[in-house]
Amino acid sequence: MTESWFALYPPVGGGRGAYSRMVAELREHGHCHLPALAGRDSRFAETAAARFTDLADGLWNQLEAELGLGRSPDRLVLFGFSMGALIATEMAARLQQRGTGAGGLVVAGCPPPHLLARRAVHTLSDEELTAALAAQGTVPSMVLDDPELLSVMVPVWRADCAAVASHPRRPVVLDCPVHALGGTEDPLVREADVTVWPRLGGVGSSVRLLPGDHAAVLDRQDLMAAAVLAAADRPSEVGARW
């Protein structure tokens, strides 16, 4: 198989539906690998991984299964927002370690791994954790307004935040192009850190800053899809207007 394909990794608490608007467009251009994370979707009954290495190992196994179907790693573009960006970067690093590499990496709303701040959000009380994530503007109101759904999501959020906190923060240098998106007013990710990403990637790496905060970046799924398609040499209507 030589067509472009895409692997999308969700932010804290996210599942296969986190990028539904992006996926609708990307599927017109190639296969979308939407991994199943413990604690959500088809793995709802499982306990979410609270260590980054465990989380990454499980998702690597799922990616390897895709490669086993004959999908070409050099036609793969990896994408992730926030926690998903850390996972996508780890997958790109593992592909490089095995000697195949990836076609490209697109990250959004996240600093490079070695610049990741040390936050202990996972140690907060349920109420404080919920408030902290709600303040970012990335938690759907339907979750916040539903006590039963909220009780289900809090353990998943806590595990995801613990996984991020346990990230080894190793410097990563990749051969594939790395394209980064960040918000100019994101309180969680400094502009200066976002601009470091292209130095960690190969020829053609880039950075684009969007007006707004953390939630504003996630909300621009049209631009994130355009960035992924551009990394796959597939122009999009939105990308043409950049």
Protein backbone atom coordinates (compact mmCIF):
# COMPACT_ATOMS: atom_id res chain seq x y z
CA MET A 1 0.00 0.00 0.00
CA THR A 2 1.53 3.33 -1.04
CA GLU A 3 -1.31 5.77 -0.37
CA SER A 4 -1.07 8.37 2.36
CA TRP A 5 -2.53 7.45 5.74
CA PHE A 6 -2.90 9.16 9.06
CA ALA A 7 -2.60 8.25 12.74
CA LEU A 8 -4.42 10.58 15.12
CA TYR A 9 -3.80 10.61 18.89
CA PRO A 10 -6.29 12.31 21.26
CA PRO A 11 -5.83 14.89 24.01
CA VAL A 12 -6.48 14.20 27.70
CA GLY A 13 -9.75 12.33 28.10
CA GLY A 14 -10.26 12.08 24.36
CA GLY A 15 -11.23 9.05 22.35
CA ARG A 16 -11.77 8.13 18.73
CA GLY A 17 -14.28 10.95 18.32
CA ALA A 18 -11.92 13.72 19.46
CA TYR A 19 -11.14 14.80 15.91
CA SER A 20 -14.40 13.90 14.15
CA ARG A 21 -14.35 17.02 11.97
CA MET A 22 -10.78 16.35 10.89
CA VAL A 23 -11.38 12.70 10.22
CA ALA A 24 -14.27 13.45 7.88
CA GLU A 25 -11.88 15.34 5.61
CA LEU A 26 -8.82 13.15 6.04
CA ARG A 27 -10.71 10.00 5.09
CA GLU A 28 -11.24 11.49 1.62
CA HIS A 29 -7.46 11.27 1.16
CA GLY A 30 -6.43 8.09 2.96
CA HIS A 31 -6.89 5.64 5.79
CA CYS A 32 -7.21 7.04 9.33
CA HIS A 33 -5.75 5.02 12.20
CA LEU A 34 -7.77 5.97 15.29
CA PRO A 35 -6.28 3.96 18.16
CA ALA A 36 -8.39 2.70 21.04
CA LEU A 37 -7.22 3.94 24.44
CA ALA A 38 -8.12 2.12 27.65
CA GLY A 39 -11.03 3.67 29.51
CA ARG A 40 -12.92 4.83 26.44
CA ASP A 41 -14.57 3.65 23.21
CA SER A 42 -14.25 -0.14 22.71
CA ARG A 43 -11.98 -0.36 25.78
CA PHE A 44 -14.37 1.45 28.10
CA ALA A 45 -14.24 -1.25 30.78
CA GLU A 46 -10.44 -1.15 31.03
CA THR A 47 -8.47 1.06 33.41
CA ALA A 48 -6.72 3.93 31.64
CA ALA A 49 -2.91 3.79 31.71
CA ALA A 50 -1.39 6.16 34.27
CA ARG A 51 2.23 5.78 33.08
CA PHE A 52 3.34 7.23 29.77
CA THR A 53 5.48 4.22 28.89
CA ASP A 54 2.52 1.88 29.38
CA LEU A 55 0.27 4.14 27.32
CA ALA A 56 2.84 4.40 24.53
CA ASP A 57 3.60 0.66 24.50
CA GLY A 58 -0.07 -0.18 24.00
CA LEU A 59 -0.52 2.35 21.21
CA TRP A 60 2.71 1.23 19.54
CA ASN A 61 1.32 -2.30 19.35
CA GLN A 62 -1.77 -0.95 17.59
CA LEU A 63 0.36 1.02 15.13
CA GLU A 64 2.52 -2.02 14.43
CA ALA A 65 -0.64 -3.95 13.58
CA GLU A 66 -1.43 -1.35 10.91
CA LEU A 67 2.09 -1.64 9.52
CA GLY A 68 1.62 -5.39 9.46
CA LEU A 69 -1.20 -4.87 6.98
CA GLY A 70 1.34 -3.50 4.51
CA ARG A 71 0.81 0.21 5.10
CA SER A 72 3.96 2.16 4.27
CA PRO A 73 5.53 4.08 7.19
CA ASP A 74 6.95 6.70 4.84
CA ARG A 75 3.40 7.55 3.73
CA LEU A 76 2.23 7.95 7.33
CA VAL A 77 1.56 11.34 8.90
CA LEU A 78 1.20 11.27 12.69
CA PHE A 79 -0.90 13.88 14.45
CA GLY A 80 -1.78 14.81 18.00
CA PHE A 81 -3.04 17.72 20.09
CA SER A 82 -1.70 18.29 23.63
CA MET A 83 -1.23 14.82 25.19
CA GLY A 84 -1.82 13.40 21.73
CA ALA A 85 1.15 15.37 20.41
CA LEU A 86 3.43 13.70 22.97
CA ILE A 87 2.12 10.30 21.90
CA ALA A 88 2.46 11.06 18.19
CA THR A 89 6.03 12.23 18.77
CA GLU A 90 6.83 9.03 20.65
CA MET A 91 5.43 6.95 17.79
CA ALA A 92 7.55 8.91 15.29
CA ALA A 93 10.65 8.33 17.44
CA ARG A 94 9.96 4.59 17.67
CA LEU A 95 9.47 4.36 13.90
CA GLN A 96 12.81 6.10 13.43
CA GLN A 97 14.49 3.73 15.91
CA ARG A 98 13.28 0.75 13.90
CA GLY A 99 14.83 2.25 10.79
CA THR A 100 11.70 3.13 8.85
CA GLY A 101 10.73 6.58 10.06
CA ALA A 102 7.46 8.34 9.23
CA GLY A 103 6.39 10.61 6.42
CA GLY A 104 5.70 13.50 8.77
CA LEU A 105 4.61 14.62 12.22
CA VAL A 106 2.08 17.36 13.00
CA VAL A 107 1.76 18.53 16.61
CA ALA A 108 -0.60 21.10 18.12
CA GLY A 109 -1.02 22.73 21.51
CA CYS A 110 2.06 21.12 23.04
CA PRO A 111 5.70 21.97 23.78
CA PRO A 112 8.52 19.65 22.68
CA PRO A 113 8.93 16.74 25.15
CA HIS A 114 12.10 18.09 26.76
CA LEU A 115 10.38 21.43 27.48
CA LEU A 116 7.25 19.90 28.99
CA ALA A 117 6.37 21.63 32.27
CA ARG A 118 6.12 19.52 35.39
CA ARG A 119 2.51 19.74 36.55
CA ALA A 120 0.86 17.52 39.13
CA VAL A 121 -2.73 18.07 38.03
CA HIS A 122 -3.44 14.38 38.59
CA THR A 123 -2.93 14.82 42.34
CA LEU A 124 -5.80 17.32 42.69
CA SER A 125 -9.16 16.41 44.17
CA ASP A 126 -11.91 15.40 41.73
CA GLU A 127 -13.46 18.85 41.95
CA GLU A 128 -10.14 20.65 41.49
CA LEU A 129 -9.12 18.42 38.60
CA THR A 130 -12.43 19.01 36.85
CA ALA A 131 -12.15 22.76 37.38
CA ALA A 132 -8.57 22.84 36.08
CA LEU A 133 -9.47 21.01 32.88
CA ALA A 134 -12.70 22.98 32.44
CA ALA A 135 -10.69 26.20 32.66
CA GLN A 136 -8.75 25.11 29.58
CA GLY A 137 -12.00 25.16 27.62
CA THR A 138 -11.41 21.74 26.06
CA VAL A 139 -13.93 19.73 28.11
CA PRO A 140 -17.35 19.45 26.42
CA SER A 141 -20.13 21.16 28.38
CA MET A 142 -22.25 18.02 28.05
CA VAL A 143 -19.71 16.23 30.28
CA LEU A 144 -19.58 18.99 32.86
CA ASP A 145 -23.38 19.16 33.01
CA ASP A 146 -23.89 15.40 33.47
CA PRO A 147 -22.89 14.13 36.96
CA GLU A 148 -23.01 10.48 35.87
CA LEU A 149 -20.83 11.05 32.81
CA LEU A 150 -18.52 13.25 34.86
CA SER A 151 -17.98 10.45 37.39
CA VAL A 152 -16.93 8.18 34.54
CA MET A 153 -14.56 10.70 32.97
CA VAL A 154 -12.71 11.93 36.08
CA PRO A 155 -10.69 8.68 36.51
CA VAL A 156 -9.77 8.79 32.81
CA TRP A 157 -8.68 12.42 33.06
CA ARG A 158 -6.66 11.65 36.18
CA ALA A 159 -4.89 8.72 34.51
CA ASP A 160 -4.14 10.73 31.36
CA CYS A 161 -2.76 13.64 33.40
CA ALA A 162 -0.63 11.20 35.41
CA ALA A 163 0.67 9.68 32.18
CA VAL A 164 1.67 13.12 30.90
CA ALA A 165 3.35 13.91 34.24
CA SER A 166 5.37 10.68 33.98
CA HIS A 167 6.68 11.47 30.48
CA PRO A 168 10.47 10.94 30.49
CA ARG A 169 11.01 14.33 28.80
CA ARG A 170 13.80 13.00 26.60
CA PRO A 171 14.99 15.33 23.80
CA VAL A 172 13.75 14.03 20.45
CA VAL A 173 15.33 14.73 17.06
CA LEU A 174 13.53 13.33 14.04
CA ASP A 175 14.48 12.88 10.41
CA CYS A 176 10.93 13.48 9.17
CA PRO A 177 9.48 17.00 8.85
CA VAL A 178 7.78 18.28 11.99
CA HIS A 179 4.98 20.84 11.71
CA ALA A 180 3.74 22.60 14.85
CA LEU A 181 0.62 24.63 15.58
CA GLY A 182 0.22 26.74 18.70
CA GLY A 183 -1.91 29.51 20.17
CA THR A 184 -0.55 32.98 20.70
CA GLU A 185 -2.38 33.23 24.04
CA ASP A 186 -2.12 29.63 25.24
CA PRO A 187 -1.38 29.73 29.00
CA LEU A 188 -0.23 26.10 28.92
CA VAL A 189 2.22 26.30 26.02
CA ARG A 190 4.59 29.21 25.51
CA GLU A 191 5.08 30.59 22.01
CA ALA A 192 8.84 30.29 22.47
CA ASP A 193 8.47 26.56 23.12
CA VAL A 194 6.24 25.99 20.09
CA THR A 195 8.81 27.62 17.83
CA VAL A 196 11.42 25.05 18.91
CA TRP A 197 9.59 22.18 17.18
CA PRO A 198 10.96 22.75 13.64
CA ARG A 199 14.51 22.46 14.98
CA LEU A 200 13.70 18.91 16.04
CA GLY A 201 12.55 17.79 12.59
CA GLY A 202 13.90 17.25 9.11
CA VAL A 203 13.88 19.40 6.01
CA GLY A 204 10.59 21.19 5.47
CA SER A 205 9.65 21.49 9.15
CA SER A 206 7.48 24.49 10.05
CA VAL A 207 5.58 26.31 12.77
CA ARG A 208 2.32 28.25 12.64
CA LEU A 209 0.90 30.35 15.47
CA LEU A 210 -2.85 30.89 15.62
CA PRO A 211 -4.61 33.67 17.53
CA GLY A 212 -6.17 32.36 20.71
CA ASP A 213 -5.67 30.05 23.67
CA HIS A 214 -5.43 26.27 24.15
CA ALA A 215 -9.09 25.67 23.31
CA ALA A 216 -8.92 27.92 20.25
CA VAL A 217 -6.23 25.74 18.70
CA LEU A 218 -8.26 22.56 19.25
CA ASP A 219 -11.31 24.27 17.78
CA ARG A 220 -9.51 24.93 14.48
CA GLN A 221 -9.76 21.37 13.24
CA ASP A 222 -9.98 22.70 9.71
CA LEU A 223 -6.45 24.13 10.01
CA MET A 224 -5.16 21.03 11.77
CA ALA A 225 -6.54 18.87 8.96
CA ALA A 226 -4.96 21.19 6.41
CA ALA A 227 -1.60 20.87 8.18
CA VAL A 228 -1.85 17.07 8.15
CA LEU A 229 -2.77 17.02 4.47
CA ALA A 230 0.04 19.42 3.63
CA ALA A 231 2.47 17.11 5.43
CA ALA A 232 1.20 14.32 3.19
CA ASP A 233 1.56 16.53 0.09
CA ARG A 234 -2.21 16.62 -0.23
CA PRO A 235 -3.40 20.23 -0.56
CA SER A 236 -6.73 21.16 1.03
CA GLU A 237 -9.15 23.98 0.36
CA VAL A 238 -8.40 25.54 3.77
CA GLY A 239 -4.66 25.06 3.36
CA ALA A 240 -4.78 26.97 0.07
CA ARG A 241 -6.09 30.02 1.97
CA TRP A 242 -3.33 30.08 4.58
